[in-house]
């Protein structure tokens, strides 16, 4: 929605050089199971590639680049950002939005990923709050969420 407003924005999940599944030692996983179970999810994570992130930010400069998404290592990379937002959402809204997706992203709808997200939501939001992320009420319609982000943006 930010890109539709003429702003430099990317969905981190759409750049395979940026967002990728890694194992416990940080090695990129080439193939994920069709229906990940809790045991597999506990041994793997979603991580952003720092070099690719730097490349994307540099390519957008001097414009502000909005990166939409999250990763397990997002707070380790937070110093690259002017601002970090927490899109606060409740479980029913999160699940409804996952169910409404019509793109190729099936996370939250396959294997144990839905229950995994339900369990991780409070921890994720608490972690970002503790790190000082700017909270945005993401239960609102998405256009209003974007308006709230833009009203708080310094760049």
N, C-alpha and C. Protein backbone atom coordinates (compact mmCIF):
# COMPACT_ATOMS: atom_id res chain seq x y z
N UNK A 1 0.81 -1.19 0.00
CA UNK A 1 0.00 0.00 0.00
C UNK A 1 0.86 1.26 0.00
N UNK A 2 2.02 1.18 0.61
CA UNK A 2 2.93 2.34 0.58
C UNK A 2 3.41 2.60 -0.84
N UNK A 3 3.74 1.54 -1.56
CA UNK A 3 4.21 1.70 -2.94
C UNK A 3 3.11 2.28 -3.82
N UNK A 4 1.86 1.91 -3.57
CA UNK A 4 0.74 2.46 -4.34
C UNK A 4 0.58 3.96 -4.12
N UNK A 5 1.16 4.44 -3.05
CA UNK A 5 1.11 5.89 -2.77
C UNK A 5 2.36 6.59 -3.32
N UNK A 6 3.15 5.86 -4.10
CA UNK A 6 4.32 6.47 -4.73
C UNK A 6 5.57 6.49 -3.87
N UNK A 7 5.57 5.74 -2.78
CA UNK A 7 6.72 5.70 -1.89
C UNK A 7 7.59 4.49 -2.20
N UNK A 8 8.86 4.58 -1.87
CA UNK A 8 9.77 3.45 -2.04
C UNK A 8 9.47 2.44 -0.94
N UNK A 9 8.94 1.29 -1.32
CA UNK A 9 8.54 0.29 -0.33
C UNK A 9 8.70 -1.10 -0.92
N UNK A 10 9.08 -2.04 -0.06
CA UNK A 10 9.16 -3.44 -0.49
C UNK A 10 8.56 -4.33 0.59
N UNK A 11 8.03 -5.45 0.16
CA UNK A 11 7.62 -6.51 1.07
C UNK A 11 8.85 -7.40 1.20
N UNK A 12 9.41 -7.45 2.39
CA UNK A 12 10.66 -8.20 2.60
C UNK A 12 10.53 -9.66 2.17
N UNK A 13 9.34 -10.23 2.32
CA UNK A 13 9.15 -11.63 1.97
C UNK A 13 9.21 -11.87 0.47
N UNK A 14 9.07 -10.81 -0.32
CA UNK A 14 9.08 -10.96 -1.78
C UNK A 14 10.48 -10.92 -2.39
N UNK A 15 11.49 -10.64 -1.59
CA UNK A 15 12.87 -10.58 -2.10
C UNK A 15 13.62 -11.81 -1.59
N UNK A 16 13.80 -12.83 -2.44
CA UNK A 16 14.44 -14.06 -1.98
C UNK A 16 15.90 -13.89 -1.57
N UNK A 17 16.52 -12.79 -1.98
CA UNK A 17 17.90 -12.53 -1.55
C UNK A 17 17.94 -11.85 -0.18
N UNK A 18 16.80 -11.32 0.26
CA UNK A 18 16.72 -10.66 1.56
C UNK A 18 16.21 -11.61 2.63
N UNK A 19 15.04 -12.14 2.43
CA UNK A 19 14.39 -12.98 3.44
C UNK A 19 14.52 -14.44 3.06
N UNK A 20 14.95 -15.23 4.05
CA UNK A 20 15.15 -16.66 3.75
C UNK A 20 15.07 -17.46 5.03
N UNK A 21 14.78 -18.72 4.89
CA UNK A 21 14.74 -19.64 6.01
C UNK A 21 16.15 -20.09 6.32
N UNK A 22 16.48 -20.09 7.61
CA UNK A 22 17.81 -20.53 8.05
C UNK A 22 17.65 -21.59 9.13
N UNK A 23 18.68 -22.43 9.26
CA UNK A 23 18.68 -23.42 10.33
C UNK A 23 19.28 -22.79 11.59
N UNK A 24 19.42 -23.58 12.64
CA UNK A 24 19.87 -23.06 13.93
C UNK A 24 21.28 -22.47 13.88
N UNK A 25 22.08 -22.87 12.90
CA UNK A 25 23.44 -22.33 12.78
C UNK A 25 23.52 -21.16 11.80
N UNK A 26 22.37 -20.78 11.21
CA UNK A 26 22.35 -19.65 10.30
C UNK A 26 22.53 -20.00 8.84
N UNK A 27 22.63 -21.28 8.53
CA UNK A 27 22.77 -21.70 7.14
C UNK A 27 21.42 -21.61 6.42
N UNK A 28 21.46 -21.11 5.20
CA UNK A 28 20.23 -20.97 4.41
C UNK A 28 19.68 -22.35 4.06
N UNK A 29 18.38 -22.52 4.24
CA UNK A 29 17.69 -23.76 3.93
C UNK A 29 17.16 -23.65 2.51
N UNK A 30 17.56 -24.57 1.67
CA UNK A 30 17.17 -24.51 0.26
C UNK A 30 15.74 -24.98 0.02
N UNK A 31 15.29 -25.94 0.81
CA UNK A 31 13.95 -26.48 0.59
C UNK A 31 13.25 -26.68 1.92
N UNK A 32 12.06 -26.12 2.02
CA UNK A 32 11.26 -26.26 3.23
C UNK A 32 10.26 -27.39 3.04
N UNK A 33 9.82 -28.00 4.14
CA UNK A 33 8.78 -29.02 4.00
C UNK A 33 7.46 -28.38 3.54
N UNK A 34 6.63 -29.16 2.89
CA UNK A 34 5.35 -28.65 2.39
C UNK A 34 4.43 -28.24 3.54
N UNK A 35 4.54 -28.91 4.67
CA UNK A 35 3.70 -28.61 5.83
C UNK A 35 4.58 -28.68 7.09
N UNK A 36 5.29 -27.59 7.40
CA UNK A 36 6.21 -27.61 8.55
C UNK A 36 5.49 -27.94 9.86
N UNK A 37 6.11 -28.82 10.64
CA UNK A 37 5.54 -29.13 11.96
C UNK A 37 6.32 -28.37 13.03
N UNK A 38 5.85 -28.46 14.29
CA UNK A 38 6.48 -27.71 15.37
C UNK A 38 7.95 -28.07 15.55
N UNK A 39 8.29 -29.33 15.38
CA UNK A 39 9.69 -29.74 15.54
C UNK A 39 10.57 -29.03 14.51
N UNK A 40 10.13 -28.99 13.27
CA UNK A 40 10.90 -28.31 12.23
C UNK A 40 10.95 -26.81 12.49
N UNK A 41 9.83 -26.21 12.85
CA UNK A 41 9.77 -24.77 13.11
C UNK A 41 10.68 -24.37 14.27
N UNK A 42 10.81 -25.23 15.27
CA UNK A 42 11.67 -24.94 16.42
C UNK A 42 13.14 -24.91 16.04
N UNK A 43 13.52 -25.60 14.97
CA UNK A 43 14.92 -25.68 14.54
C UNK A 43 15.27 -24.71 13.42
N UNK A 44 14.30 -23.91 12.99
CA UNK A 44 14.52 -23.01 11.85
C UNK A 44 13.95 -21.63 12.14
N UNK A 45 14.44 -20.66 11.40
CA UNK A 45 13.96 -19.30 11.57
C UNK A 45 13.90 -18.57 10.24
N UNK A 46 13.37 -17.36 10.29
CA UNK A 46 13.24 -16.50 9.12
C UNK A 46 14.19 -15.34 9.34
N UNK A 47 15.15 -15.15 8.47
CA UNK A 47 16.19 -14.14 8.70
C UNK A 47 16.39 -13.27 7.47
N UNK A 48 16.76 -12.03 7.75
CA UNK A 48 17.13 -11.10 6.68
C UNK A 48 18.63 -11.14 6.48
N UNK A 49 19.05 -11.07 5.23
CA UNK A 49 20.45 -11.04 4.84
C UNK A 49 20.94 -9.60 5.00
N UNK A 50 21.86 -9.32 5.95
CA UNK A 50 22.31 -7.94 6.19
C UNK A 50 22.90 -7.26 4.95
N UNK A 51 23.67 -7.99 4.15
CA UNK A 51 24.28 -7.39 2.96
C UNK A 51 23.21 -6.98 1.96
N UNK A 52 22.21 -7.82 1.77
CA UNK A 52 21.13 -7.48 0.84
C UNK A 52 20.31 -6.31 1.37
N UNK A 53 20.08 -6.27 2.67
CA UNK A 53 19.35 -5.15 3.26
C UNK A 53 20.09 -3.84 3.00
N UNK A 54 21.39 -3.84 3.22
CA UNK A 54 22.20 -2.65 2.96
C UNK A 54 22.11 -2.23 1.49
N UNK A 55 22.13 -3.21 0.60
CA UNK A 55 22.03 -2.96 -0.84
C UNK A 55 20.70 -2.27 -1.18
N UNK A 56 19.61 -2.77 -0.63
CA UNK A 56 18.29 -2.21 -0.91
C UNK A 56 18.16 -0.79 -0.36
N UNK A 57 18.65 -0.58 0.85
CA UNK A 57 18.59 0.76 1.45
C UNK A 57 19.42 1.74 0.62
N UNK A 58 20.62 1.32 0.24
CA UNK A 58 21.49 2.17 -0.57
C UNK A 58 20.89 2.51 -1.92
N UNK A 59 20.24 1.54 -2.54
CA UNK A 59 19.65 1.76 -3.86
C UNK A 59 18.49 2.74 -3.81
N UNK A 60 17.80 2.80 -2.69
CA UNK A 60 16.65 3.71 -2.56
C UNK A 60 17.07 5.12 -2.18
N UNK A 61 18.25 5.28 -1.61
CA UNK A 61 18.70 6.59 -1.13
C UNK A 61 18.70 7.60 -2.26
N UNK A 62 18.34 8.83 -2.01
CA UNK A 62 18.10 9.43 -0.70
C UNK A 62 16.67 9.29 -0.20
N UNK A 63 15.82 8.58 -0.94
CA UNK A 63 14.43 8.40 -0.51
C UNK A 63 14.37 7.52 0.73
N UNK A 64 13.31 7.66 1.47
CA UNK A 64 13.03 6.75 2.58
C UNK A 64 12.54 5.44 1.99
N UNK A 65 13.12 4.34 2.41
CA UNK A 65 12.67 3.02 1.98
C UNK A 65 11.87 2.39 3.11
N UNK A 66 10.65 2.04 2.83
CA UNK A 66 9.80 1.35 3.79
C UNK A 66 9.92 -0.14 3.53
N UNK A 67 10.35 -0.87 4.54
CA UNK A 67 10.47 -2.32 4.42
C UNK A 67 9.38 -2.92 5.28
N UNK A 68 8.49 -3.62 4.63
CA UNK A 68 7.34 -4.20 5.31
C UNK A 68 7.62 -5.67 5.57
N UNK A 69 7.50 -6.07 6.80
CA UNK A 69 7.73 -7.46 7.15
C UNK A 69 8.54 -7.56 8.41
N UNK A 70 8.93 -8.76 8.71
CA UNK A 70 9.71 -8.99 9.91
C UNK A 70 10.57 -10.22 9.74
N UNK A 71 11.52 -10.35 10.64
CA UNK A 71 12.43 -11.49 10.62
C UNK A 71 12.93 -11.72 12.04
N UNK A 72 13.41 -12.91 12.29
CA UNK A 72 13.93 -13.23 13.62
C UNK A 72 15.11 -12.36 14.00
N UNK A 73 15.85 -11.87 13.02
CA UNK A 73 17.03 -11.04 13.30
C UNK A 73 16.77 -9.55 13.07
N UNK A 74 15.53 -9.14 13.03
CA UNK A 74 15.21 -7.74 12.72
C UNK A 74 15.78 -6.76 13.74
N UNK A 75 15.79 -7.12 15.01
CA UNK A 75 16.32 -6.19 16.00
C UNK A 75 17.84 -6.07 15.92
N UNK A 76 18.51 -7.12 15.48
CA UNK A 76 19.96 -7.04 15.26
C UNK A 76 20.30 -6.07 14.14
N UNK A 77 19.35 -5.84 13.25
CA UNK A 77 19.56 -4.97 12.08
C UNK A 77 18.89 -3.61 12.26
N UNK A 78 18.31 -3.36 13.41
CA UNK A 78 17.51 -2.14 13.63
C UNK A 78 18.32 -0.86 13.49
N UNK A 79 19.64 -0.93 13.69
CA UNK A 79 20.45 0.28 13.57
C UNK A 79 20.52 0.81 12.14
N UNK A 80 20.06 0.03 11.18
CA UNK A 80 20.04 0.46 9.79
C UNK A 80 18.80 1.32 9.48
N UNK A 81 17.87 1.37 10.41
CA UNK A 81 16.60 2.05 10.18
C UNK A 81 16.50 3.32 11.00
N UNK A 82 15.83 4.31 10.43
CA UNK A 82 15.55 5.54 11.15
C UNK A 82 14.47 5.28 12.19
N UNK A 83 13.48 4.49 11.82
CA UNK A 83 12.38 4.15 12.72
C UNK A 83 11.99 2.69 12.50
N UNK A 84 11.53 2.07 13.58
CA UNK A 84 10.99 0.71 13.52
C UNK A 84 9.58 0.78 14.09
N UNK A 85 8.63 0.26 13.34
CA UNK A 85 7.23 0.27 13.77
C UNK A 85 6.80 -1.13 14.19
N UNK A 86 5.96 -1.18 15.19
CA UNK A 86 5.31 -2.42 15.60
C UNK A 86 3.85 -2.31 15.17
N UNK A 87 3.46 -3.14 14.25
CA UNK A 87 2.06 -3.17 13.84
C UNK A 87 1.32 -4.08 14.83
N UNK A 88 0.77 -3.45 15.86
CA UNK A 88 0.08 -4.20 16.91
C UNK A 88 -1.23 -4.76 16.36
N UNK A 89 -1.41 -6.03 16.59
CA UNK A 89 -2.59 -6.70 16.03
C UNK A 89 -3.05 -7.74 17.04
N UNK A 90 -4.34 -7.98 17.08
CA UNK A 90 -4.84 -9.04 17.93
C UNK A 90 -4.92 -10.33 17.12
N UNK A 91 -5.08 -11.42 17.83
CA UNK A 91 -5.08 -12.72 17.15
C UNK A 91 -6.20 -12.86 16.13
N UNK A 92 -7.45 -12.50 16.46
CA UNK A 92 -8.51 -12.66 15.45
C UNK A 92 -8.25 -11.88 14.16
N UNK A 93 -7.73 -10.66 14.28
CA UNK A 93 -7.44 -9.87 13.08
C UNK A 93 -6.31 -10.51 12.29
N UNK A 94 -5.26 -10.96 12.99
CA UNK A 94 -4.14 -11.61 12.31
C UNK A 94 -4.63 -12.83 11.53
N UNK A 95 -5.43 -13.67 12.18
CA UNK A 95 -5.90 -14.89 11.51
C UNK A 95 -6.82 -14.56 10.34
N UNK A 96 -7.68 -13.56 10.49
CA UNK A 96 -8.57 -13.17 9.39
C UNK A 96 -7.76 -12.68 8.19
N UNK A 97 -6.70 -11.93 8.45
CA UNK A 97 -5.88 -11.42 7.33
C UNK A 97 -5.10 -12.55 6.68
N UNK A 98 -4.63 -13.49 7.46
CA UNK A 98 -3.96 -14.65 6.87
C UNK A 98 -4.92 -15.42 5.96
N UNK A 99 -6.15 -15.60 6.43
CA UNK A 99 -7.14 -16.34 5.65
C UNK A 99 -7.54 -15.60 4.38
N UNK A 100 -7.48 -14.27 4.41
CA UNK A 100 -7.91 -13.46 3.26
C UNK A 100 -6.84 -13.34 2.19
N UNK A 101 -5.61 -13.71 2.50
CA UNK A 101 -4.52 -13.56 1.50
C UNK A 101 -4.81 -14.41 0.28
N UNK A 102 -4.54 -13.84 -0.87
CA UNK A 102 -4.76 -14.55 -2.12
C UNK A 102 -3.50 -14.59 -2.97
N UNK A 103 -2.35 -14.39 -2.34
CA UNK A 103 -1.10 -14.43 -3.09
C UNK A 103 -0.43 -15.79 -2.84
N UNK A 104 0.81 -15.87 -3.17
CA UNK A 104 1.52 -17.14 -3.05
C UNK A 104 1.99 -17.44 -1.63
N UNK A 105 1.88 -16.49 -0.72
CA UNK A 105 2.32 -16.72 0.65
C UNK A 105 1.35 -17.65 1.36
N UNK A 106 1.82 -18.81 1.78
CA UNK A 106 0.93 -19.75 2.46
C UNK A 106 1.27 -19.92 3.94
N UNK A 107 2.24 -19.13 4.41
CA UNK A 107 2.62 -19.19 5.82
C UNK A 107 1.39 -18.82 6.66
N UNK A 108 1.13 -19.62 7.68
CA UNK A 108 -0.04 -19.39 8.50
C UNK A 108 -1.24 -20.21 8.06
N UNK A 109 -1.06 -20.94 6.96
CA UNK A 109 -2.15 -21.77 6.45
C UNK A 109 -1.71 -23.20 6.17
N UNK A 110 -0.43 -23.50 6.41
CA UNK A 110 0.08 -24.85 6.14
C UNK A 110 0.72 -25.42 7.39
N UNK A 111 0.65 -26.73 7.52
CA UNK A 111 1.30 -27.41 8.64
C UNK A 111 0.92 -26.77 9.97
N UNK A 112 1.92 -26.67 10.84
CA UNK A 112 1.72 -26.07 12.16
C UNK A 112 1.99 -24.57 12.18
N UNK A 113 2.14 -23.94 11.01
CA UNK A 113 2.52 -22.53 10.99
C UNK A 113 1.46 -21.62 11.59
N UNK A 114 0.20 -21.95 11.44
CA UNK A 114 -0.87 -21.12 12.00
C UNK A 114 -0.78 -21.09 13.52
N UNK A 115 -0.70 -22.27 14.11
CA UNK A 115 -0.61 -22.35 15.57
C UNK A 115 0.70 -21.74 16.06
N UNK A 116 1.76 -21.92 15.31
CA UNK A 116 3.06 -21.32 15.65
C UNK A 116 2.93 -19.80 15.71
N UNK A 117 2.29 -19.20 14.72
CA UNK A 117 2.08 -17.75 14.71
C UNK A 117 1.21 -17.31 15.88
N UNK A 118 0.18 -18.06 16.18
CA UNK A 118 -0.69 -17.73 17.32
C UNK A 118 0.12 -17.69 18.61
N UNK A 119 0.97 -18.66 18.79
CA UNK A 119 1.79 -18.74 20.02
C UNK A 119 2.86 -17.66 20.07
N UNK A 120 3.42 -17.32 18.91
CA UNK A 120 4.53 -16.36 18.86
C UNK A 120 4.09 -14.89 18.89
N UNK A 121 2.84 -14.62 18.56
CA UNK A 121 2.38 -13.23 18.45
C UNK A 121 2.64 -12.40 19.72
N UNK A 122 2.25 -12.86 20.91
CA UNK A 122 2.51 -12.03 22.10
C UNK A 122 4.01 -11.80 22.34
N UNK A 123 4.81 -12.83 22.16
CA UNK A 123 6.26 -12.72 22.35
C UNK A 123 6.87 -11.73 21.36
N UNK A 124 6.47 -11.82 20.12
CA UNK A 124 6.99 -10.92 19.08
C UNK A 124 6.64 -9.47 19.42
N UNK A 125 5.39 -9.23 19.75
CA UNK A 125 4.97 -7.86 20.05
C UNK A 125 5.67 -7.34 21.30
N UNK A 126 5.81 -8.17 22.33
CA UNK A 126 6.50 -7.75 23.55
C UNK A 126 7.96 -7.41 23.27
N UNK A 127 8.61 -8.21 22.44
CA UNK A 127 10.02 -8.00 22.10
C UNK A 127 10.22 -6.67 21.37
N UNK A 128 9.35 -6.37 20.43
CA UNK A 128 9.45 -5.12 19.69
C UNK A 128 9.11 -3.91 20.56
N UNK A 129 8.12 -4.05 21.44
CA UNK A 129 7.79 -2.97 22.37
C UNK A 129 8.99 -2.67 23.26
N UNK A 130 9.60 -3.72 23.80
CA UNK A 130 10.75 -3.55 24.70
C UNK A 130 11.93 -2.90 23.99
N UNK A 131 12.03 -3.09 22.69
CA UNK A 131 13.13 -2.50 21.91
C UNK A 131 12.82 -1.07 21.48
N UNK A 132 11.63 -0.58 21.81
CA UNK A 132 11.29 0.80 21.50
C UNK A 132 10.62 1.03 20.15
N UNK A 133 10.11 -0.03 19.54
CA UNK A 133 9.40 0.14 18.27
C UNK A 133 8.19 1.05 18.48
N UNK A 134 7.86 1.81 17.47
CA UNK A 134 6.72 2.73 17.52
C UNK A 134 5.44 1.93 17.26
N UNK A 135 4.54 1.88 18.24
CA UNK A 135 3.33 1.07 18.05
C UNK A 135 2.31 1.74 17.14
N UNK A 136 1.74 0.94 16.26
CA UNK A 136 0.67 1.37 15.36
C UNK A 136 -0.46 0.35 15.51
N UNK A 137 -1.68 0.82 15.70
CA UNK A 137 -2.83 -0.07 15.82
C UNK A 137 -3.14 -0.65 14.45
N UNK A 138 -2.74 -1.89 14.24
CA UNK A 138 -2.91 -2.52 12.93
C UNK A 138 -4.22 -3.30 12.82
N UNK A 139 -5.09 -3.14 13.81
CA UNK A 139 -6.43 -3.75 13.70
C UNK A 139 -7.33 -2.92 12.79
N UNK A 140 -6.91 -1.70 12.51
CA UNK A 140 -7.67 -0.79 11.66
C UNK A 140 -7.63 -1.27 10.21
N UNK A 141 -8.49 -0.73 9.36
CA UNK A 141 -8.35 -1.01 7.92
C UNK A 141 -6.95 -0.60 7.46
N UNK A 142 -6.42 -1.32 6.48
CA UNK A 142 -5.02 -1.14 6.09
C UNK A 142 -4.69 0.28 5.62
N UNK A 143 -5.62 0.95 4.96
CA UNK A 143 -5.36 2.34 4.57
C UNK A 143 -5.11 3.22 5.79
N UNK A 144 -5.83 2.97 6.86
CA UNK A 144 -5.63 3.75 8.09
C UNK A 144 -4.31 3.39 8.77
N UNK A 145 -3.90 2.14 8.65
CA UNK A 145 -2.60 1.73 9.20
C UNK A 145 -1.49 2.49 8.47
N UNK A 146 -1.58 2.55 7.16
CA UNK A 146 -0.58 3.29 6.36
C UNK A 146 -0.59 4.77 6.74
N UNK A 147 -1.78 5.36 6.88
CA UNK A 147 -1.87 6.76 7.30
C UNK A 147 -1.18 6.98 8.64
N UNK A 148 -1.38 6.06 9.57
CA UNK A 148 -0.77 6.18 10.90
C UNK A 148 0.75 6.10 10.81
N UNK A 149 1.26 5.21 9.98
CA UNK A 149 2.71 5.10 9.80
C UNK A 149 3.25 6.40 9.21
N UNK A 150 2.62 6.88 8.17
CA UNK A 150 3.10 8.09 7.51
C UNK A 150 3.04 9.30 8.44
N UNK A 151 2.06 9.34 9.32
CA UNK A 151 1.97 10.48 10.25
C UNK A 151 3.08 10.46 11.29
N UNK A 152 3.71 9.30 11.46
CA UNK A 152 4.78 9.15 12.46
C UNK A 152 6.16 9.04 11.82
N UNK A 153 6.22 9.13 10.50
CA UNK A 153 7.49 8.96 9.79
C UNK A 153 8.29 10.25 9.79
N UNK A 154 9.59 10.08 10.08
CA UNK A 154 10.46 11.25 10.13
C UNK A 154 11.18 11.51 8.81
N UNK A 155 11.10 10.54 7.86
CA UNK A 155 11.87 10.69 6.63
C UNK A 155 11.13 11.04 5.46
